[in-house]
Full PDB file with SEQRES, HELIX, SHEET, SSBOND, CRYST1, ORIGX, SCALE, CONECT and MASTER records, all heavy atoms in Angstrom:
SEQRES   1 A   39  ASP LEU ALA TYR ALA LEU GLN SER GLY GLN GLY GLY THR          
SEQRES   2 A   39  ARG ALA ILE LEU ALA ALA VAL GLN ALA HIS ILE ILE THR          
SEQRES   3 A   39  TYR LEU LEU PHE THR ARG ASP THR GLU CYS THR HIS LEU          
HELIX    1 AA1 THR A   13  THR A   26  1                                  14    
HELIX    2 AA2 TYR A   27  THR A   31  3                                   5    
CRYST1    1.000    1.000    1.000  90.00  90.00  90.00 P 1           1          
ORIGX1      1.000000  0.000000  0.000000        0.00000                         
ORIGX2      0.000000  1.000000  0.000000        0.00000                         
ORIGX3      0.000000  0.000000  1.000000        0.00000                         
SCALE1      1.000000  0.000000  0.000000        0.00000                         
SCALE2      0.000000  1.000000  0.000000        0.00000                         
SCALE3      0.000000  0.000000  1.000000        0.00000                         
ATOM      1  N   ASP A   1      -1.992  -0.062  -4.809  1.00  0.00           N  
ATOM      2  CA  ASP A   1      -3.223   0.480  -5.193  1.00  0.00           C  
ATOM      3  C   ASP A   1      -3.434   2.009  -4.874  1.00  0.00           C  
ATOM      4  O   ASP A   1      -4.183   2.637  -5.468  1.00  0.00           O  
ATOM      5  CB  ASP A   1      -4.353  -0.170  -4.421  1.00  0.00           C  
ATOM      6  CG  ASP A   1      -4.614  -1.652  -4.965  1.00  0.00           C  
ATOM      7  OD1 ASP A   1      -4.225  -1.895  -5.962  1.00  0.00           O  
ATOM      8  OD2 ASP A   1      -5.336  -2.423  -4.189  1.00  0.00           O  
ATOM      9  N   LEU A   2      -2.639   2.440  -3.979  1.00  0.00           N  
ATOM     10  CA  LEU A   2      -2.647   3.876  -3.606  1.00  0.00           C  
ATOM     11  C   LEU A   2      -1.258   4.613  -3.933  1.00  0.00           C  
ATOM     12  O   LEU A   2      -0.852   5.638  -3.466  1.00  0.00           O  
ATOM     13  CB  LEU A   2      -2.865   4.088  -2.129  1.00  0.00           C  
ATOM     14  CG  LEU A   2      -4.207   3.703  -1.651  1.00  0.00           C  
ATOM     15  CD1 LEU A   2      -4.362   3.833  -0.110  1.00  0.00           C  
ATOM     16  CD2 LEU A   2      -5.316   4.580  -2.305  1.00  0.00           C  
ATOM     17  N   ALA A   3      -0.619   4.098  -4.926  1.00  0.00           N  
ATOM     18  CA  ALA A   3       0.699   4.680  -5.414  1.00  0.00           C  
ATOM     19  C   ALA A   3       0.588   6.061  -5.736  1.00  0.00           C  
ATOM     20  O   ALA A   3       1.476   6.819  -5.741  1.00  0.00           O  
ATOM     21  CB  ALA A   3       1.312   3.837  -6.564  1.00  0.00           C  
ATOM     22  N   TYR A   4      -0.570   6.462  -6.220  1.00  0.00           N  
ATOM     23  CA  TYR A   4      -0.777   7.876  -6.758  1.00  0.00           C  
ATOM     24  C   TYR A   4      -1.038   8.773  -5.577  1.00  0.00           C  
ATOM     25  O   TYR A   4      -1.102  10.035  -5.843  1.00  0.00           O  
ATOM     26  CB  TYR A   4      -2.002   8.078  -7.675  1.00  0.00           C  
ATOM     27  CG  TYR A   4      -3.302   7.586  -7.035  1.00  0.00           C  
ATOM     28  CD1 TYR A   4      -4.112   8.498  -6.508  1.00  0.00           C  
ATOM     29  CD2 TYR A   4      -3.666   6.282  -7.042  1.00  0.00           C  
ATOM     30  CE1 TYR A   4      -5.200   8.103  -5.864  1.00  0.00           C  
ATOM     31  CE2 TYR A   4      -4.792   5.825  -6.411  1.00  0.00           C  
ATOM     32  CZ  TYR A   4      -5.635   6.811  -5.841  1.00  0.00           C  
ATOM     33  OH  TYR A   4      -6.684   6.382  -5.157  1.00  0.00           O  
ATOM     34  N   ALA A   5      -1.441   8.467  -4.404  1.00  0.00           N  
ATOM     35  CA  ALA A   5      -1.881   9.100  -3.278  1.00  0.00           C  
ATOM     36  C   ALA A   5      -0.711   9.664  -2.333  1.00  0.00           C  
ATOM     37  O   ALA A   5       0.106   8.827  -2.005  1.00  0.00           O  
ATOM     38  CB  ALA A   5      -2.850   8.355  -2.642  1.00  0.00           C  
ATOM     39  N   LEU A   6      -0.910  10.881  -1.931  1.00  0.00           N  
ATOM     40  CA  LEU A   6       0.037  11.507  -0.904  1.00  0.00           C  
ATOM     41  C   LEU A   6      -0.511  10.920   0.501  1.00  0.00           C  
ATOM     42  O   LEU A   6      -1.738  10.780   0.683  1.00  0.00           O  
ATOM     43  CB  LEU A   6      -0.015  13.030  -0.929  1.00  0.00           C  
ATOM     44  CG  LEU A   6       0.581  13.580  -2.090  1.00  0.00           C  
ATOM     45  CD1 LEU A   6       0.320  15.115  -2.006  1.00  0.00           C  
ATOM     46  CD2 LEU A   6       2.054  13.370  -2.146  1.00  0.00           C  
ATOM     47  N   GLN A   7       0.452  10.670   1.324  1.00  0.00           N  
ATOM     48  CA  GLN A   7       0.085  10.342   2.834  1.00  0.00           C  
ATOM     49  C   GLN A   7      -0.255  11.630   3.524  1.00  0.00           C  
ATOM     50  O   GLN A   7       0.543  12.663   3.321  1.00  0.00           O  
ATOM     51  CB  GLN A   7       1.122   9.563   3.448  1.00  0.00           C  
ATOM     52  CG  GLN A   7       1.389   8.283   2.626  1.00  0.00           C  
ATOM     53  CD  GLN A   7       2.410   7.479   3.501  1.00  0.00           C  
ATOM     54  OE1 GLN A   7       2.935   7.720   4.587  1.00  0.00           O  
ATOM     55  NE2 GLN A   7       2.956   6.437   2.752  1.00  0.00           N  
ATOM     56  N   SER A   8      -1.228  11.711   4.272  1.00  0.00           N  
ATOM     57  CA  SER A   8      -1.547  12.891   5.116  1.00  0.00           C  
ATOM     58  C   SER A   8      -1.729  12.717   6.495  1.00  0.00           C  
ATOM     59  O   SER A   8      -2.422  11.602   6.760  1.00  0.00           O  
ATOM     60  CB  SER A   8      -2.656  13.724   4.395  1.00  0.00           C  
ATOM     61  OG  SER A   8      -3.901  13.007   4.657  1.00  0.00           O  
ATOM     62  N   GLY A   9      -1.321  13.608   7.306  1.00  0.00           N  
ATOM     63  CA  GLY A   9      -1.653  13.513   8.799  1.00  0.00           C  
ATOM     64  C   GLY A   9      -2.941  14.110   8.957  1.00  0.00           C  
ATOM     65  O   GLY A   9      -3.790  14.294   8.165  1.00  0.00           O  
ATOM     66  N   GLN A  10      -3.044  14.670  10.187  1.00  0.00           N  
ATOM     67  CA  GLN A  10      -4.246  15.377  10.498  1.00  0.00           C  
ATOM     68  C   GLN A  10      -3.928  16.908  10.738  1.00  0.00           C  
ATOM     69  O   GLN A  10      -2.921  17.269  10.908  1.00  0.00           O  
ATOM     70  CB  GLN A  10      -4.871  14.756  11.849  1.00  0.00           C  
ATOM     71  CG  GLN A  10      -5.221  13.405  11.809  1.00  0.00           C  
ATOM     72  CD  GLN A  10      -5.740  12.853  13.045  1.00  0.00           C  
ATOM     73  OE1 GLN A  10      -5.761  13.573  14.071  1.00  0.00           O  
ATOM     74  NE2 GLN A  10      -6.151  11.632  13.122  1.00  0.00           N  
ATOM     75  N   GLY A  11      -5.056  17.721  10.569  1.00  0.00           N  
ATOM     76  CA  GLY A  11      -4.873  19.071  10.794  1.00  0.00           C  
ATOM     77  C   GLY A  11      -4.683  19.959   9.493  1.00  0.00           C  
ATOM     78  O   GLY A  11      -5.080  19.509   8.430  1.00  0.00           O  
ATOM     79  N   GLY A  12      -3.988  21.068   9.742  1.00  0.00           N  
ATOM     80  CA  GLY A  12      -3.982  22.108   8.720  1.00  0.00           C  
ATOM     81  C   GLY A  12      -3.241  21.807   7.478  1.00  0.00           C  
ATOM     82  O   GLY A  12      -3.327  22.353   6.466  1.00  0.00           O  
ATOM     83  N   THR A  13      -2.349  20.797   7.564  1.00  0.00           N  
ATOM     84  CA  THR A  13      -1.566  20.558   6.358  1.00  0.00           C  
ATOM     85  C   THR A  13      -2.368  19.750   5.263  1.00  0.00           C  
ATOM     86  O   THR A  13      -2.004  19.697   4.130  1.00  0.00           O  
ATOM     87  CB  THR A  13      -0.279  19.698   6.694  1.00  0.00           C  
ATOM     88  OG1 THR A  13      -0.771  18.412   7.228  1.00  0.00           O  
ATOM     89  CG2 THR A  13       0.599  20.493   7.654  1.00  0.00           C  
ATOM     90  N   ARG A  14      -3.419  19.146   5.751  1.00  0.00           N  
ATOM     91  CA  ARG A  14      -4.246  18.429   4.826  1.00  0.00           C  
ATOM     92  C   ARG A  14      -4.883  19.359   3.629  1.00  0.00           C  
ATOM     93  O   ARG A  14      -4.965  18.775   2.488  1.00  0.00           O  
ATOM     94  CB  ARG A  14      -5.467  17.796   5.408  1.00  0.00           C  
ATOM     95  CG  ARG A  14      -4.992  16.655   6.380  1.00  0.00           C  
ATOM     96  CD  ARG A  14      -6.154  16.232   7.360  1.00  0.00           C  
ATOM     97  NE  ARG A  14      -6.539  14.848   7.042  1.00  0.00           N  
ATOM     98  CZ  ARG A  14      -7.453  14.292   7.600  1.00  0.00           C  
ATOM     99  NH1 ARG A  14      -8.270  14.942   8.322  1.00  0.00           N  
ATOM    100  NH2 ARG A  14      -7.791  12.992   7.297  1.00  0.00           N  
ATOM    101  N   ALA A  15      -5.092  20.489   3.776  1.00  0.00           N  
ATOM    102  CA  ALA A  15      -5.640  21.360   2.746  1.00  0.00           C  
ATOM    103  C   ALA A  15      -4.642  21.555   1.696  1.00  0.00           C  
ATOM    104  O   ALA A  15      -4.884  21.459   0.540  1.00  0.00           O  
ATOM    105  CB  ALA A  15      -6.073  22.675   3.279  1.00  0.00           C  
ATOM    106  N   ILE A  16      -3.355  21.857   2.018  1.00  0.00           N  
ATOM    107  CA  ILE A  16      -2.282  22.089   1.063  1.00  0.00           C  
ATOM    108  C   ILE A  16      -2.015  20.658   0.320  1.00  0.00           C  
ATOM    109  O   ILE A  16      -1.855  20.664  -0.897  1.00  0.00           O  
ATOM    110  CB  ILE A  16      -0.997  22.462   1.712  1.00  0.00           C  
ATOM    111  CG1 ILE A  16      -1.267  23.963   2.236  1.00  0.00           C  
ATOM    112  CG2 ILE A  16       0.184  22.416   0.795  1.00  0.00           C  
ATOM    113  CD1 ILE A  16      -0.199  24.548   3.135  1.00  0.00           C  
ATOM    114  N   LEU A  17      -1.983  19.540   1.089  1.00  0.00           N  
ATOM    115  CA  LEU A  17      -1.792  18.292   0.446  1.00  0.00           C  
ATOM    116  C   LEU A  17      -2.836  17.968  -0.550  1.00  0.00           C  
ATOM    117  O   LEU A  17      -2.579  17.380  -1.520  1.00  0.00           O  
ATOM    118  CB  LEU A  17      -1.694  17.189   1.538  1.00  0.00           C  
ATOM    119  CG  LEU A  17      -0.411  17.291   2.379  1.00  0.00           C  
ATOM    120  CD1 LEU A  17      -0.574  16.318   3.557  1.00  0.00           C  
ATOM    121  CD2 LEU A  17       0.837  17.041   1.642  1.00  0.00           C  
ATOM    122  N   ALA A  18      -4.197  18.287  -0.187  1.00  0.00           N  
ATOM    123  CA  ALA A  18      -5.345  18.048  -1.130  1.00  0.00           C  
ATOM    124  C   ALA A  18      -5.120  18.874  -2.424  1.00  0.00           C  
ATOM    125  O   ALA A  18      -5.456  18.303  -3.412  1.00  0.00           O  
ATOM    126  CB  ALA A  18      -6.531  18.330  -0.337  1.00  0.00           C  
ATOM    127  N   ALA A  19      -4.762  20.103  -2.242  1.00  0.00           N  
ATOM    128  CA  ALA A  19      -4.616  20.844  -3.464  1.00  0.00           C  
ATOM    129  C   ALA A  19      -3.440  20.262  -4.418  1.00  0.00           C  
ATOM    130  O   ALA A  19      -3.643  20.170  -5.545  1.00  0.00           O  
ATOM    131  CB  ALA A  19      -4.220  22.256  -3.096  1.00  0.00           C  
ATOM    132  N   VAL A  20      -2.458  19.884  -3.816  1.00  0.00           N  
ATOM    133  CA  VAL A  20      -1.324  19.259  -4.561  1.00  0.00           C  
ATOM    134  C   VAL A  20      -1.759  17.925  -5.130  1.00  0.00           C  
ATOM    135  O   VAL A  20      -1.405  17.658  -6.216  1.00  0.00           O  
ATOM    136  CB  VAL A  20      -0.042  19.201  -3.761  1.00  0.00           C  
ATOM    137  CG1 VAL A  20       1.076  18.457  -4.458  1.00  0.00           C  
ATOM    138  CG2 VAL A  20       0.473  20.664  -3.363  1.00  0.00           C  
ATOM    139  N   GLN A  21      -2.406  17.187  -4.464  1.00  0.00           N  
ATOM    140  CA  GLN A  21      -2.958  15.825  -4.768  1.00  0.00           C  
ATOM    141  C   GLN A  21      -3.774  15.854  -5.988  1.00  0.00           C  
ATOM    142  O   GLN A  21      -3.694  15.099  -6.961  1.00  0.00           O  
ATOM    143  CB  GLN A  21      -3.802  15.254  -3.644  1.00  0.00           C  
ATOM    144  CG  GLN A  21      -4.268  13.874  -4.028  1.00  0.00           C  
ATOM    145  CD  GLN A  21      -3.155  12.834  -4.163  1.00  0.00           C  
ATOM    146  OE1 GLN A  21      -2.600  12.412  -3.190  1.00  0.00           O  
ATOM    147  NE2 GLN A  21      -2.880  12.424  -5.332  1.00  0.00           N  
ATOM    148  N   ALA A  22      -4.593  17.017  -6.204  1.00  0.00           N  
ATOM    149  CA  ALA A  22      -5.423  17.205  -7.383  1.00  0.00           C  
ATOM    150  C   ALA A  22      -4.687  17.325  -8.617  1.00  0.00           C  
ATOM    151  O   ALA A  22      -4.830  16.803  -9.647  1.00  0.00           O  
ATOM    152  CB  ALA A  22      -6.432  18.510  -7.187  1.00  0.00           C  
ATOM    153  N   HIS A  23      -3.489  18.181  -8.461  1.00  0.00           N  
ATOM    154  CA  HIS A  23      -2.599  18.443  -9.590  1.00  0.00           C  
ATOM    155  C   HIS A  23      -1.895  16.974  -9.923  1.00  0.00           C  
ATOM    156  O   HIS A  23      -1.540  16.819 -11.135  1.00  0.00           O  
ATOM    157  CB  HIS A  23      -1.621  19.484  -9.269  1.00  0.00           C  
ATOM    158  CG  HIS A  23      -2.184  20.756  -9.426  1.00  0.00           C  
ATOM    159  ND1 HIS A  23      -2.378  21.488 -10.662  1.00  0.00           N  
ATOM    160  CD2 HIS A  23      -2.725  21.640  -8.505  1.00  0.00           C  
ATOM    161  CE1 HIS A  23      -2.969  22.676 -10.394  1.00  0.00           C  
ATOM    162  NE2 HIS A  23      -3.134  22.777  -9.143  1.00  0.00           N  
ATOM    163  N   ILE A  24      -1.526  16.273  -8.945  1.00  0.00           N  
ATOM    164  CA  ILE A  24      -0.898  14.917  -9.187  1.00  0.00           C  
ATOM    165  C   ILE A  24      -1.764  14.103  -9.973  1.00  0.00           C  
ATOM    166  O   ILE A  24      -1.329  13.449 -11.044  1.00  0.00           O  
ATOM    167  CB  ILE A  24      -0.414  14.355  -7.865  1.00  0.00           C  
ATOM    168  CG1 ILE A  24       0.774  15.158  -7.202  1.00  0.00           C  
ATOM    169  CG2 ILE A  24      -0.069  12.892  -8.001  1.00  0.00           C  
ATOM    170  CD1 ILE A  24       1.021  14.721  -5.836  1.00  0.00           C  
ATOM    171  N   ILE A  25      -2.937  13.981  -9.516  1.00  0.00           N  
ATOM    172  CA  ILE A  25      -3.912  13.083 -10.382  1.00  0.00           C  
ATOM    173  C   ILE A  25      -4.066  13.471 -11.653  1.00  0.00           C  
ATOM    174  O   ILE A  25      -4.117  12.778 -12.629  1.00  0.00           O  
ATOM    175  CB  ILE A  25      -5.209  12.869  -9.461  1.00  0.00           C  
ATOM    176  CG1 ILE A  25      -5.083  12.186  -8.213  1.00  0.00           C  
ATOM    177  CG2 ILE A  25      -6.394  12.236 -10.387  1.00  0.00           C  
ATOM    178  CD1 ILE A  25      -6.188  12.087  -7.300  1.00  0.00           C  
ATOM    179  N   THR A  26      -4.324  14.845 -11.833  1.00  0.00           N  
ATOM    180  CA  THR A  26      -4.403  15.349 -13.322  1.00  0.00           C  
ATOM    181  C   THR A  26      -3.219  15.036 -14.089  1.00  0.00           C  
ATOM    182  O   THR A  26      -3.361  14.633 -15.220  1.00  0.00           O  
ATOM    183  CB  THR A  26      -4.600  16.932 -13.208  1.00  0.00           C  
ATOM    184  OG1 THR A  26      -5.688  17.213 -12.416  1.00  0.00           O  
ATOM    185  CG2 THR A  26      -4.634  17.543 -14.636  1.00  0.00           C  
ATOM    186  N   TYR A  27      -2.015  15.150 -13.542  1.00  0.00           N  
ATOM    187  CA  TYR A  27      -0.769  14.823 -14.350  1.00  0.00           C  
ATOM    188  C   TYR A  27      -0.879  13.325 -14.729  1.00  0.00           C  
ATOM    189  O   TYR A  27      -0.502  12.900 -15.799  1.00  0.00           O  
ATOM    190  CB  TYR A  27       0.522  15.187 -13.467  1.00  0.00           C  
ATOM    191  CG  TYR A  27       1.711  14.648 -14.158  1.00  0.00           C  
ATOM    192  CD1 TYR A  27       2.322  15.211 -15.139  1.00  0.00           C  
ATOM    193  CD2 TYR A  27       2.267  13.495 -13.647  1.00  0.00           C  
ATOM    194  CE1 TYR A  27       3.538  14.735 -15.762  1.00  0.00           C  
ATOM    195  CE2 TYR A  27       3.460  12.975 -14.192  1.00  0.00           C  
ATOM    196  CZ  TYR A  27       4.164  13.642 -15.242  1.00  0.00           C  
ATOM    197  OH  TYR A  27       5.222  13.134 -15.792  1.00  0.00           O  
ATOM    198  N   LEU A  28      -1.070  12.466 -13.768  1.00  0.00           N  
ATOM    199  CA  LEU A  28      -0.982  11.058 -13.865  1.00  0.00           C  
ATOM    200  C   LEU A  28      -1.982  10.527 -14.907  1.00  0.00           C  
ATOM    201  O   LEU A  28      -1.838   9.645 -15.618  1.00  0.00           O  
ATOM    202  CB  LEU A  28      -1.037  10.219 -12.489  1.00  0.00           C  
ATOM    203  CG  LEU A  28       0.046  10.503 -11.622  1.00  0.00           C  
ATOM    204  CD1 LEU A  28      -0.246   9.832 -10.313  1.00  0.00           C  
ATOM    205  CD2 LEU A  28       1.394   9.936 -12.163  1.00  0.00           C  
ATOM    206  N   LEU A  29      -3.167  11.197 -14.844  1.00  0.00           N  
ATOM    207  CA  LEU A  29      -4.290  10.686 -15.730  1.00  0.00           C  
ATOM    208  C   LEU A  29      -4.258  11.256 -17.091  1.00  0.00           C  
ATOM    209  O   LEU A  29      -4.377  10.569 -18.072  1.00  0.00           O  
ATOM    210  CB  LEU A  29      -5.604  11.002 -15.208  1.00  0.00           C  
ATOM    211  CG  LEU A  29      -6.117  10.196 -13.901  1.00  0.00           C  
ATOM    212  CD1 LEU A  29      -7.513  10.673 -13.503  1.00  0.00           C  
ATOM    213  CD2 LEU A  29      -6.158   8.654 -14.426  1.00  0.00           C  
ATOM    214  N   PHE A  30      -3.840  12.522 -17.235  1.00  0.00           N  
ATOM    215  CA  PHE A  30      -4.074  13.273 -18.535  1.00  0.00           C  
ATOM    216  C   PHE A  30      -2.746  13.791 -19.192  1.00  0.00           C  
ATOM    217  O   PHE A  30      -2.808  14.050 -20.362  1.00  0.00           O  
ATOM    218  CB  PHE A  30      -5.031  14.351 -18.323  1.00  0.00           C  
ATOM    219  CG  PHE A  30      -6.331  13.842 -17.659  1.00  0.00           C  
ATOM    220  CD1 PHE A  30      -6.799  14.396 -16.461  1.00  0.00           C  
ATOM    221  CD2 PHE A  30      -7.214  13.072 -18.459  1.00  0.00           C  
ATOM    222  CE1 PHE A  30      -7.879  13.914 -15.945  1.00  0.00           C  
ATOM    223  CE2 PHE A  30      -8.307  12.652 -17.934  1.00  0.00           C  
ATOM    224  CZ  PHE A  30      -8.779  13.096 -16.607  1.00  0.00           C  
ATOM    225  N   THR A  31      -1.683  13.888 -18.484  1.00  0.00           N  
ATOM    226  CA  THR A  31      -0.540  14.517 -18.985  1.00  0.00           C  
ATOM    227  C   THR A  31       0.597  13.466 -19.433  1.00  0.00           C  
ATOM    228  O   THR A  31       1.105  13.565 -20.542  1.00  0.00           O  
ATOM    229  CB  THR A  31       0.114  15.487 -17.970  1.00  0.00           C  
ATOM    230  OG1 THR A  31      -0.888  16.363 -17.574  1.00  0.00           O  
ATOM    231  CG2 THR A  31       1.329  16.277 -18.617  1.00  0.00           C  
ATOM    232  N   ARG A  32       0.931  12.642 -18.570  1.00  0.00           N  
ATOM    233  CA  ARG A  32       1.980  11.699 -18.857  1.00  0.00           C  
ATOM    234  C   ARG A  32       1.601  10.692 -19.961  1.00  0.00           C  
ATOM    235  O   ARG A  32       0.440  10.414 -20.074  1.00  0.00           O  
ATOM    236  CB  ARG A  32       2.562  10.954 -17.563  1.00  0.00           C  
ATOM    237  CG  ARG A  32       1.598   9.996 -17.153  1.00  0.00           C  
ATOM    238  CD  ARG A  32       2.170   9.398 -15.871  1.00  0.00           C  
ATOM    239  NE  ARG A  32       1.254   8.471 -15.302  1.00  0.00           N  
ATOM    240  CZ  ARG A  32       1.427   7.206 -15.199  1.00  0.00           C  
ATOM    241  NH1 ARG A  32       2.525   6.653 -15.315  1.00  0.00           N  
ATOM    242  NH2 ARG A  32       0.362   6.308 -14.637  1.00  0.00           N  
ATOM    243  N   ASP A  33       2.503  10.242 -20.734  1.00  0.00           N  
ATOM    244  CA  ASP A  33       2.313   9.377 -21.843  1.00  0.00           C  
ATOM    245  C   ASP A  33       2.408   7.893 -21.395  1.00  0.00           C  
ATOM    246  O   ASP A  33       3.531   7.473 -21.092  1.00  0.00           O  
ATOM    247  CB  ASP A  33       3.245   9.688 -22.912  1.00  0.00           C  
ATOM    248  CG  ASP A  33       3.019   9.042 -24.219  1.00  0.00           C  
ATOM    249  OD1 ASP A  33       1.739   8.612 -24.448  1.00  0.00           O  
ATOM    250  OD2 ASP A  33       3.843   8.724 -25.082  1.00  0.00           O  
ATOM    251  N   THR A  34       1.363   7.016 -21.389  1.00  0.00           N  
ATOM    252  CA  THR A  34       1.410   5.789 -21.204  1.00  0.00           C  
ATOM    253  C   THR A  34       0.171   5.033 -21.906  1.00  0.00           C  
ATOM    254  O   THR A  34      -0.753   5.606 -22.232  1.00  0.00           O  
ATOM    255  CB  THR A  34       1.296   5.543 -19.727  1.00  0.00           C  
ATOM    256  OG1 THR A  34       1.256   4.132 -19.302  1.00  0.00           O  
ATOM    257  CG2 THR A  34       0.039   6.166 -18.969  1.00  0.00           C  
ATOM    258  N   GLU A  35       0.371   3.738 -21.953  1.00  0.00           N  
ATOM    259  CA  GLU A  35      -0.779   2.997 -22.682  1.00  0.00           C  
ATOM    260  C   GLU A  35      -1.779   2.384 -21.867  1.00  0.00           C  
ATOM    261  O   GLU A  35      -2.796   1.930 -22.153  1.00  0.00           O  
ATOM    262  CB  GLU A  35      -0.062   1.765 -23.458  1.00  0.00           C  
ATOM    263  CG  GLU A  35       0.981   2.024 -24.441  1.00  0.00           C  
ATOM    264  CD  GLU A  35       2.377   1.747 -23.955  1.00  0.00           C  
ATOM    265  OE1 GLU A  35       2.512   0.704 -22.973  1.00  0.00           O  
ATOM    266  OE2 GLU A  35       3.354   2.357 -24.248  1.00  0.00           O  
ATOM    267  N   CYS A  36      -1.626   2.662 -20.532  1.00  0.00           N  
ATOM    268  CA  CYS A  36      -2.485   2.000 -19.508  1.00  0.00           C  
ATOM    269  C   CYS A  36      -3.734   2.774 -19.518  1.00  0.00           C  
ATOM    270  O   CYS A  36      -3.930   3.978 -19.879  1.00  0.00           O  
ATOM    271  CB  CYS A  36      -1.832   2.192 -18.091  1.00  0.00           C  
ATOM    272  SG  CYS A  36      -0.241   1.303 -17.900  1.00  0.00           S  
ATOM    273  N   THR A  37      -4.796   2.045 -19.014  1.00  0.00           N  
ATOM    274  CA  THR A  37      -6.169   2.666 -18.874  1.00  0.00           C  
ATOM    275  C   THR A  37      -6.151   3.666 -17.750  1.00  0.00           C  
ATOM    276  O   THR A  37      -5.030   3.700 -17.032  1.00  0.00           O  
ATOM    277  CB  THR A  37      -7.181   1.557 -18.576  1.00  0.00           C  
ATOM    278  OG1 THR A  37      -6.995   1.005 -17.275  1.00  0.00           O  
ATOM    279  CG2 THR A  37      -7.269   0.559 -19.714  1.00  0.00           C  
ATOM    280  N   HIS A  38      -7.070   4.403 -17.553  1.00  0.00           N  
ATOM    281  CA  HIS A  38      -7.144   5.463 -16.509  1.00  0.00           C  
ATOM    282  C   HIS A  38      -6.754   4.907 -15.173  1.00  0.00           C  
ATOM    283  O   HIS A  38      -6.010   5.511 -14.366  1.00  0.00           O  
ATOM    284  CB  HIS A  38      -8.389   6.310 -16.607  1.00  0.00           C  
ATOM    285  CG  HIS A  38      -8.471   7.247 -17.673  1.00  0.00           C  
ATOM    286  ND1 HIS A  38      -7.523   8.069 -18.089  1.00  0.00           N  
ATOM    287  CD2 HIS A  38      -9.387   7.336 -18.708  1.00  0.00           C  
ATOM    288  CE1 HIS A  38      -7.817   8.835 -19.055  1.00  0.00           C  
ATOM    289  NE2 HIS A  38      -9.062   8.421 -19.535  1.00  0.00           N  
ATOM    290  N   LEU A  39      -7.546   3.845 -14.832  1.00  0.00           N  
ATOM    291  CA  LEU A  39      -7.301   3.281 -13.393  1.00  0.00           C  
ATOM    292  C   LEU A  39      -5.870   2.698 -13.218  1.00  0.00           C  
ATOM    293  O   LEU A  39      -5.235   2.905 -12.238  1.00  0.00           O  
ATOM    294  CB  LEU A  39      -8.376   2.277 -13.182  1.00  0.00           C  
ATOM    295  CG  LEU A  39      -8.359   1.765 -11.713  1.00  0.00           C  
ATOM    296  CD1 LEU A  39      -8.535   2.886 -10.644  1.00  0.00           C  
ATOM    297  CD2 LEU A  39      -9.508   0.765 -11.434  1.00  0.00           C  
TER     298      LEU A  39                                                      
MASTER        0    0    0    2    0    0    0    6  297    1    0    3          
END                                                                             
């Protein structure tokens, strides 16, 4: 269920992981070619 999500610890690295996570979700939802629904 969370295959799309990066694992994150605590602290300062979370901000960088969150920024990259936004690009990952954009790629998985709108860029790659697949017949699956959004979810």
